[in-house]
Amino acid sequence: MKGFERIQYDSKIMGGKPTIRGMRITVGLVVGLVASGYSNSEIIRMYPYLQEEDISQALKYAAWRVEEHEEPLDLV
């Protein structure tokens, strides 16, 4: 995905959910922590293998997904 180089999918990792750099840290976990009020520095302290850019891309990815719209196909 262009612009989301740190976000990866692998069916063998976390059931194919989007993860940060292929680690067992999902985008949903990071977004949930931010939504719960944790600062970037607190998140990095809890998960020291994360980087500021990982958190930034997780938030950008989540925002992009919310804006994504599915249109039904007109097969008739």
PDB file of N, CA and C in Angstrom:
ATOM      1  N   MET A   1       0.838  -1.176   0.000  1.00  0.00           N
ATOM      2  CA  MET A   1       0.000   0.000   0.000  1.00  0.00           C
ATOM      3  C   MET A   1       0.884   1.240   0.000  1.00  0.00           C
ATOM      4  N   LYS A   2       0.684   2.060  -0.953  1.00  0.00           N
ATOM      5  CA  LYS A   2       1.483   3.269  -1.053  1.00  0.00           C
ATOM      6  C   LYS A   2       1.175   4.201   0.117  1.00  0.00           C
ATOM      7  N   GLY A   3       2.221   4.659   0.774  1.00  0.00           N
ATOM      8  CA  GLY A   3       2.061   5.565   1.897  1.00  0.00           C
ATOM      9  C   GLY A   3       1.929   4.879   3.244  1.00  0.00           C
ATOM     10  N   PHE A   4       1.816   3.566   3.228  1.00  0.00           N
ATOM     11  CA  PHE A   4       1.671   2.802   4.468  1.00  0.00           C
ATOM     12  C   PHE A   4       2.703   1.675   4.501  1.00  0.00           C
ATOM     13  N   GLU A   5       3.949   2.011   4.313  1.00  0.00           N
ATOM     14  CA  GLU A   5       5.008   1.008   4.227  1.00  0.00           C
ATOM     15  C   GLU A   5       5.188   0.227   5.526  1.00  0.00           C
ATOM     16  N   ARG A   6       4.815   0.812   6.647  1.00  0.00           N
ATOM     17  CA  ARG A   6       4.978   0.142   7.940  1.00  0.00           C
ATOM     18  C   ARG A   6       3.782  -0.745   8.298  1.00  0.00           C
ATOM     19  N   ILE A   7       2.715  -0.642   7.551  1.00  0.00           N
ATOM     20  CA  ILE A   7       1.512  -1.443   7.810  1.00  0.00           C
ATOM     21  C   ILE A   7       1.566  -2.664   6.901  1.00  0.00           C
ATOM     22  N   GLN A   8       1.477  -3.842   7.504  1.00  0.00           N
ATOM     23  CA  GLN A   8       1.588  -5.076   6.728  1.00  0.00           C
ATOM     24  C   GLN A   8       0.467  -6.047   7.076  1.00  0.00           C
ATOM     25  N   TYR A   9       0.164  -6.887   6.103  1.00  0.00           N
ATOM     26  CA  TYR A   9      -0.800  -7.967   6.280  1.00  0.00           C
ATOM     27  C   TYR A   9      -0.085  -9.290   6.056  1.00  0.00           C
ATOM     28  N   ASP A  10      -0.370 -10.240   6.906  1.00  0.00           N
ATOM     29  CA  ASP A  10       0.138 -11.601   6.719  1.00  0.00           C
ATOM     30  C   ASP A  10      -0.874 -12.517   7.397  1.00  0.00           C
ATOM     31  N   SER A  11      -1.430 -13.436   6.639  1.00  0.00           N
ATOM     32  CA  SER A  11      -2.464 -14.319   7.197  1.00  0.00           C
ATOM     33  C   SER A  11      -1.944 -15.161   8.365  1.00  0.00           C
ATOM     34  N   LYS A  12      -0.625 -15.296   8.478  1.00  0.00           N
ATOM     35  CA  LYS A  12      -0.042 -16.090   9.562  1.00  0.00           C
ATOM     36  C   LYS A  12       0.238 -15.262  10.820  1.00  0.00           C
ATOM     37  N   ILE A  13       0.057 -13.945  10.729  1.00  0.00           N
ATOM     38  CA  ILE A  13       0.320 -13.067  11.874  1.00  0.00           C
ATOM     39  C   ILE A  13      -0.975 -12.365  12.258  1.00  0.00           C
ATOM     40  N   MET A  14      -1.421 -12.593  13.473  1.00  0.00           N
ATOM     41  CA  MET A  14      -2.611 -11.947  14.026  1.00  0.00           C
ATOM     42  C   MET A  14      -3.844 -12.121  13.131  1.00  0.00           C
ATOM     43  N   GLY A  15      -3.933 -13.294  12.522  1.00  0.00           N
ATOM     44  CA  GLY A  15      -5.100 -13.617  11.704  1.00  0.00           C
ATOM     45  C   GLY A  15      -5.281 -12.749  10.483  1.00  0.00           C
ATOM     46  N   GLY A  16      -4.206 -12.138  10.009  1.00  0.00           N
ATOM     47  CA  GLY A  16      -4.289 -11.313   8.808  1.00  0.00           C
ATOM     48  C   GLY A  16      -4.685  -9.873   9.065  1.00  0.00           C
ATOM     49  N   LYS A  17      -4.835  -9.507  10.337  1.00  0.00           N
ATOM     50  CA  LYS A  17      -5.145  -8.105  10.651  1.00  0.00           C
ATOM     51  C   LYS A  17      -3.945  -7.235  10.289  1.00  0.00           C
ATOM     52  N   PRO A  18      -4.181  -5.962   9.996  1.00  0.00           N
ATOM     53  CA  PRO A  18      -3.049  -5.088   9.697  1.00  0.00           C
ATOM     54  C   PRO A  18      -2.162  -4.911  10.932  1.00  0.00           C
ATOM     55  N   THR A  19      -0.881  -5.121  10.745  1.00  0.00           N
ATOM     56  CA  THR A  19       0.076  -5.041  11.845  1.00  0.00           C
ATOM     57  C   THR A  19       1.148  -3.994  11.544  1.00  0.00           C
ATOM     58  N   ILE A  20       1.876  -3.650  12.568  1.00  0.00           N
ATOM     59  CA  ILE A  20       2.981  -2.719  12.429  1.00  0.00           C
ATOM     60  C   ILE A  20       4.247  -3.504  12.088  1.00  0.00           C
ATOM     61  N   ARG A  21       4.789  -3.236  10.914  1.00  0.00           N
ATOM     62  CA  ARG A  21       6.028  -3.857  10.436  1.00  0.00           C
ATOM     63  C   ARG A  21       6.063  -5.365  10.629  1.00  0.00           C
ATOM     64  N   GLY A  22       4.921  -6.038  10.512  1.00  0.00           N
ATOM     65  CA  GLY A  22       4.874  -7.491  10.604  1.00  0.00           C
ATOM     66  C   GLY A  22       5.013  -8.037  12.004  1.00  0.00           C
ATOM     67  N   MET A  23       5.038  -7.161  12.995  1.00  0.00           N
ATOM     68  CA  MET A  23       5.121  -7.615  14.382  1.00  0.00           C
ATOM     69  C   MET A  23       3.720  -8.000  14.852  1.00  0.00           C
ATOM     70  N   ARG A  24       3.621  -8.530  16.023  1.00  0.00           N
ATOM     71  CA  ARG A  24       2.330  -8.937  16.569  1.00  0.00           C
ATOM     72  C   ARG A  24       1.646  -7.772  17.292  1.00  0.00           C
ATOM     73  N   ILE A  25       1.805  -6.595  16.731  1.00  0.00           N
ATOM     74  CA  ILE A  25       1.152  -5.385  17.225  1.00  0.00           C
ATOM     75  C   ILE A  25       0.222  -4.911  16.121  1.00  0.00           C
ATOM     76  N   THR A  26      -1.078  -4.936  16.384  1.00  0.00           N
ATOM     77  CA  THR A  26      -2.030  -4.547  15.351  1.00  0.00           C
ATOM     78  C   THR A  26      -2.246  -3.035  15.328  1.00  0.00           C
ATOM     79  N   VAL A  27      -2.681  -2.578  14.180  1.00  0.00           N
ATOM     80  CA  VAL A  27      -3.066  -1.178  14.043  1.00  0.00           C
ATOM     81  C   VAL A  27      -4.168  -0.865  15.056  1.00  0.00           C
ATOM     82  N   GLY A  28      -5.111  -1.785  15.209  1.00  0.00           N
ATOM     83  CA  GLY A  28      -6.213  -1.584  16.151  1.00  0.00           C
ATOM     84  C   GLY A  28      -5.742  -1.377  17.578  1.00  0.00           C
ATOM     85  N   LEU A  29      -4.717  -2.108  17.989  1.00  0.00           N
ATOM     86  CA  LEU A  29      -4.169  -1.937  19.343  1.00  0.00           C
ATOM     87  C   LEU A  29      -3.612  -0.531  19.511  1.00  0.00           C
ATOM     88  N   VAL A  30      -2.812  -0.097  18.554  1.00  0.00           N
ATOM     89  CA  VAL A  30      -2.195   1.223  18.637  1.00  0.00           C
ATOM     90  C   VAL A  30      -3.262   2.316  18.641  1.00  0.00           C
ATOM     91  N   VAL A  31      -4.215   2.216  17.743  1.00  0.00           N
ATOM     92  CA  VAL A  31      -5.280   3.226  17.673  1.00  0.00           C
ATOM     93  C   VAL A  31      -6.086   3.222  18.968  1.00  0.00           C
ATOM     94  N   GLY A  32      -6.355   2.050  19.501  1.00  0.00           N
ATOM     95  CA  GLY A  32      -7.091   1.953  20.758  1.00  0.00           C
ATOM     96  C   GLY A  32      -6.356   2.602  21.916  1.00  0.00           C
ATOM     97  N   LEU A  33      -5.046   2.441  21.959  1.00  0.00           N
ATOM     98  CA  LEU A  33      -4.255   3.071  23.019  1.00  0.00           C
ATOM     99  C   LEU A  33      -4.298   4.591  22.908  1.00  0.00           C
ATOM    100  N   VAL A  34      -4.160   5.100  21.685  1.00  0.00           N
ATOM    101  CA  VAL A  34      -4.229   6.543  21.478  1.00  0.00           C
ATOM    102  C   VAL A  34      -5.617   7.053  21.865  1.00  0.00           C
ATOM    103  N   ALA A  35      -6.652   6.337  21.454  1.00  0.00           N
ATOM    104  CA  ALA A  35      -8.021   6.741  21.776  1.00  0.00           C
ATOM    105  C   ALA A  35      -8.283   6.700  23.279  1.00  0.00           C
ATOM    106  N   SER A  36      -7.563   5.860  23.987  1.00  0.00           N
ATOM    107  CA  SER A  36      -7.727   5.760  25.444  1.00  0.00           C
ATOM    108  C   SER A  36      -6.946   6.834  26.196  1.00  0.00           C
ATOM    109  N   GLY A  37      -6.217   7.648  25.451  1.00  0.00           N
ATOM    110  CA  GLY A  37      -5.525   8.762  26.080  1.00  0.00           C
ATOM    111  C   GLY A  37      -4.044   8.578  26.313  1.00  0.00           C
ATOM    112  N   TYR A  38      -3.487   7.459  25.877  1.00  0.00           N
ATOM    113  CA  TYR A  38      -2.048   7.247  26.046  1.00  0.00           C
ATOM    114  C   TYR A  38      -1.276   8.131  25.061  1.00  0.00           C
ATOM    115  N   SER A  39      -0.199   8.711  25.515  1.00  0.00           N
ATOM    116  CA  SER A  39       0.659   9.519  24.647  1.00  0.00           C
ATOM    117  C   SER A  39       1.580   8.592  23.859  1.00  0.00           C
ATOM    118  N   ASN A  40       2.177   9.141  22.810  1.00  0.00           N
ATOM    119  CA  ASN A  40       3.126   8.343  22.026  1.00  0.00           C
ATOM    120  C   ASN A  40       4.264   7.831  22.898  1.00  0.00           C
ATOM    121  N   SER A  41       4.770   8.675  23.780  1.00  0.00           N
ATOM    122  CA  SER A  41       5.886   8.249  24.627  1.00  0.00           C
ATOM    123  C   SER A  41       5.464   7.134  25.581  1.00  0.00           C
ATOM    124  N   GLU A  42       4.224   7.172  26.077  1.00  0.00           N
ATOM    125  CA  GLU A  42       3.739   6.099  26.944  1.00  0.00           C
ATOM    126  C   GLU A  42       3.598   4.796  26.159  1.00  0.00           C
ATOM    127  N   ILE A  43       3.103   4.892  24.942  1.00  0.00           N
ATOM    128  CA  ILE A  43       2.945   3.693  24.101  1.00  0.00           C
ATOM    129  C   ILE A  43       4.314   3.095  23.802  1.00  0.00           C
ATOM    130  N   ILE A  44       5.276   3.931  23.480  1.00  0.00           N
ATOM    131  CA  ILE A  44       6.625   3.435  23.178  1.00  0.00           C
ATOM    132  C   ILE A  44       7.271   2.853  24.431  1.00  0.00           C
ATOM    133  N   ARG A  45       6.965   3.393  25.570  1.00  0.00           N
ATOM    134  CA  ARG A  45       7.494   2.827  26.814  1.00  0.00           C
ATOM    135  C   ARG A  45       6.903   1.427  27.046  1.00  0.00           C
ATOM    136  N   MET A  46       5.605   1.253  26.725  1.00  0.00           N
ATOM    137  CA  MET A  46       4.971  -0.061  26.882  1.00  0.00           C
ATOM    138  C   MET A  46       5.441  -1.050  25.822  1.00  0.00           C
ATOM    139  N   TYR A  47       5.689  -0.554  24.617  1.00  0.00           N
ATOM    140  CA  TYR A  47       6.107  -1.372  23.480  1.00  0.00           C
ATOM    141  C   TYR A  47       7.376  -0.748  22.893  1.00  0.00           C
ATOM    142  N   PRO A  48       8.532  -0.973  23.519  1.00  0.00           N
ATOM    143  CA  PRO A  48       9.762  -0.268  23.131  1.00  0.00           C
ATOM    144  C   PRO A  48      10.247  -0.536  21.707  1.00  0.00           C
ATOM    145  N   TYR A  49       9.730  -1.558  21.053  1.00  0.00           N
ATOM    146  CA  TYR A  49      10.132  -1.839  19.674  1.00  0.00           C
ATOM    147  C   TYR A  49       9.325  -1.029  18.681  1.00  0.00           C
ATOM    148  N   LEU A  50       8.331  -0.259  19.158  1.00  0.00           N
ATOM    149  CA  LEU A  50       7.600   0.659  18.284  1.00  0.00           C
ATOM    150  C   LEU A  50       8.369   1.964  18.155  1.00  0.00           C
ATOM    151  N   GLN A  51       8.101   2.652  17.058  1.00  0.00           N
ATOM    152  CA  GLN A  51       8.711   3.955  16.812  1.00  0.00           C
ATOM    153  C   GLN A  51       7.607   4.984  16.583  1.00  0.00           C
ATOM    154  N   GLU A  52       7.949   6.247  16.728  1.00  0.00           N
ATOM    155  CA  GLU A  52       6.971   7.325  16.535  1.00  0.00           C
ATOM    156  C   GLU A  52       6.259   7.188  15.183  1.00  0.00           C
ATOM    157  N   GLU A  53       7.019   6.898  14.139  1.00  0.00           N
ATOM    158  CA  GLU A  53       6.431   6.780  12.804  1.00  0.00           C
ATOM    159  C   GLU A  53       5.448   5.612  12.720  1.00  0.00           C
ATOM    160  N   ASP A  54       5.662   4.558  13.495  1.00  0.00           N
ATOM    161  CA  ASP A  54       4.707   3.445  13.527  1.00  0.00           C
ATOM    162  C   ASP A  54       3.344   3.933  14.023  1.00  0.00           C
ATOM    163  N   ILE A  55       3.359   4.713  15.077  1.00  0.00           N
ATOM    164  CA  ILE A  55       2.110   5.232  15.645  1.00  0.00           C
ATOM    165  C   ILE A  55       1.439   6.178  14.666  1.00  0.00           C
ATOM    166  N   SER A  56       2.230   7.045  14.068  1.00  0.00           N
ATOM    167  CA  SER A  56       1.697   7.990  13.086  1.00  0.00           C
ATOM    168  C   SER A  56       1.049   7.268  11.917  1.00  0.00           C
ATOM    169  N   GLN A  57       1.731   6.258  11.376  1.00  0.00           N
ATOM    170  CA  GLN A  57       1.161   5.529  10.235  1.00  0.00           C
ATOM    171  C   GLN A  57      -0.068   4.728  10.635  1.00  0.00           C
ATOM    172  N   ALA A  58      -0.096   4.194  11.838  1.00  0.00           N
ATOM    173  CA  ALA A  58      -1.281   3.464  12.297  1.00  0.00           C
ATOM    174  C   ALA A  58      -2.493   4.387  12.325  1.00  0.00           C
ATOM    175  N   LEU A  59      -2.306   5.602  12.814  1.00  0.00           N
ATOM    176  CA  LEU A  59      -3.419   6.561  12.856  1.00  0.00           C
ATOM    177  C   LEU A  59      -3.840   6.991  11.454  1.00  0.00           C
ATOM    178  N   LYS A  60      -2.870   7.239  10.587  1.00  0.00           N
ATOM    179  CA  LYS A  60      -3.185   7.610   9.203  1.00  0.00           C
ATOM    180  C   LYS A  60      -3.915   6.480   8.486  1.00  0.00           C
ATOM    181  N   TYR A  61      -3.466   5.258   8.722  1.00  0.00           N
ATOM    182  CA  TYR A  61      -4.097   4.093   8.098  1.00  0.00           C
ATOM    183  C   TYR A  61      -5.550   3.955   8.577  1.00  0.00           C
ATOM    184  N   ALA A  62      -5.766   4.106   9.877  1.00  0.00           N
ATOM    185  CA  ALA A  62      -7.118   3.999  10.425  1.00  0.00           C
ATOM    186  C   ALA A  62      -8.026   5.074   9.838  1.00  0.00           C
ATOM    187  N   ALA A  63      -7.517   6.294   9.703  1.00  0.00           N
ATOM    188  CA  ALA A  63      -8.306   7.370   9.111  1.00  0.00           C
ATOM    189  C   ALA A  63      -8.640   7.067   7.654  1.00  0.00           C
ATOM    190  N   TRP A  64      -7.677   6.528   6.932  1.00  0.00           N
ATOM    191  CA  TRP A  64      -7.898   6.163   5.534  1.00  0.00           C
ATOM    192  C   TRP A  64      -8.976   5.083   5.421  1.00  0.00           C
ATOM    193  N   ARG A  65      -8.917   4.084   6.308  1.00  0.00           N
ATOM    194  CA  ARG A  65      -9.904   2.998   6.269  1.00  0.00           C
ATOM    195  C   ARG A  65     -11.313   3.500   6.565  1.00  0.00           C
ATOM    196  N   VAL A  66     -11.435   4.456   7.455  1.00  0.00           N
ATOM    197  CA  VAL A  66     -12.750   4.999   7.788  1.00  0.00           C
ATOM    198  C   VAL A  66     -13.351   5.706   6.577  1.00  0.00           C
ATOM    199  N   GLU A  67     -12.508   6.327   5.774  1.00  0.00           N
ATOM    200  CA  GLU A  67     -12.989   7.055   4.597  1.00  0.00           C
ATOM    201  C   GLU A  67     -13.268   6.145   3.403  1.00  0.00           C
ATOM    202  N   GLU A  68     -12.827   4.915   3.485  1.00  0.00           N
ATOM    203  CA  GLU A  68     -13.028   3.975   2.388  1.00  0.00           C
ATOM    204  C   GLU A  68     -14.509   3.617   2.287  1.00  0.00           C
ATOM    205  N   HIS A  69     -15.035   3.645   1.086  1.00  0.00           N
ATOM    206  CA  HIS A  69     -16.451   3.322   0.874  1.00  0.00           C
ATOM    207  C   HIS A  69     -16.578   2.131  -0.061  1.00  0.00           C
ATOM    208  N   GLU A  70     -17.456   1.239   0.295  1.00  0.00           N
ATOM    209  CA  GLU A  70     -17.738   0.110  -0.587  1.00  0.00           C
ATOM    210  C   GLU A  70     -19.020   0.398  -1.345  1.00  0.00           C
ATOM    211  N   GLU A  71     -18.998   0.178  -2.625  1.00  0.00           N
ATOM    212  CA  GLU A  71     -20.167   0.382  -3.469  1.00  0.00           C
ATOM    213  C   GLU A  71     -20.643  -0.973  -3.974  1.00  0.00           C
ATOM    214  N   PRO A  72     -21.923  -1.261  -3.836  1.00  0.00           N
ATOM    215  CA  PRO A  72     -22.431  -2.529  -4.354  1.00  0.00           C
ATOM    216  C   PRO A  72     -22.339  -2.549  -5.887  1.00  0.00           C
ATOM    217  N   LEU A  73     -22.051  -3.736  -6.419  1.00  0.00           N
ATOM    218  CA  LEU A  73     -21.998  -3.890  -7.864  1.00  0.00           C
ATOM    219  C   LEU A  73     -23.393  -4.052  -8.419  1.00  0.00           C
ATOM    220  N   ASP A  74     -23.662  -3.382  -9.507  1.00  0.00           N
ATOM    221  CA  ASP A  74     -24.945  -3.547 -10.188  1.00  0.00           C
ATOM    222  C   ASP A  74     -24.767  -4.605 -11.251  1.00  0.00           C
ATOM    223  N   LEU A  75     -25.159  -5.836 -10.924  1.00  0.00           N
ATOM    224  CA  LEU A  75     -24.911  -6.968 -11.830  1.00  0.00           C
ATOM    225  C   LEU A  75     -26.050  -7.198 -12.815  1.00  0.00           C
ATOM    226  N   VAL A  76     -27.012  -6.333 -12.825  1.00  0.00           N
ATOM    227  CA  VAL A  76     -28.147  -6.520 -13.736  1.00  0.00           C
ATOM    228  C   VAL A  76     -27.950  -5.747 -15.007  1.00  0.00           C
TER     229      VAL A  76
END
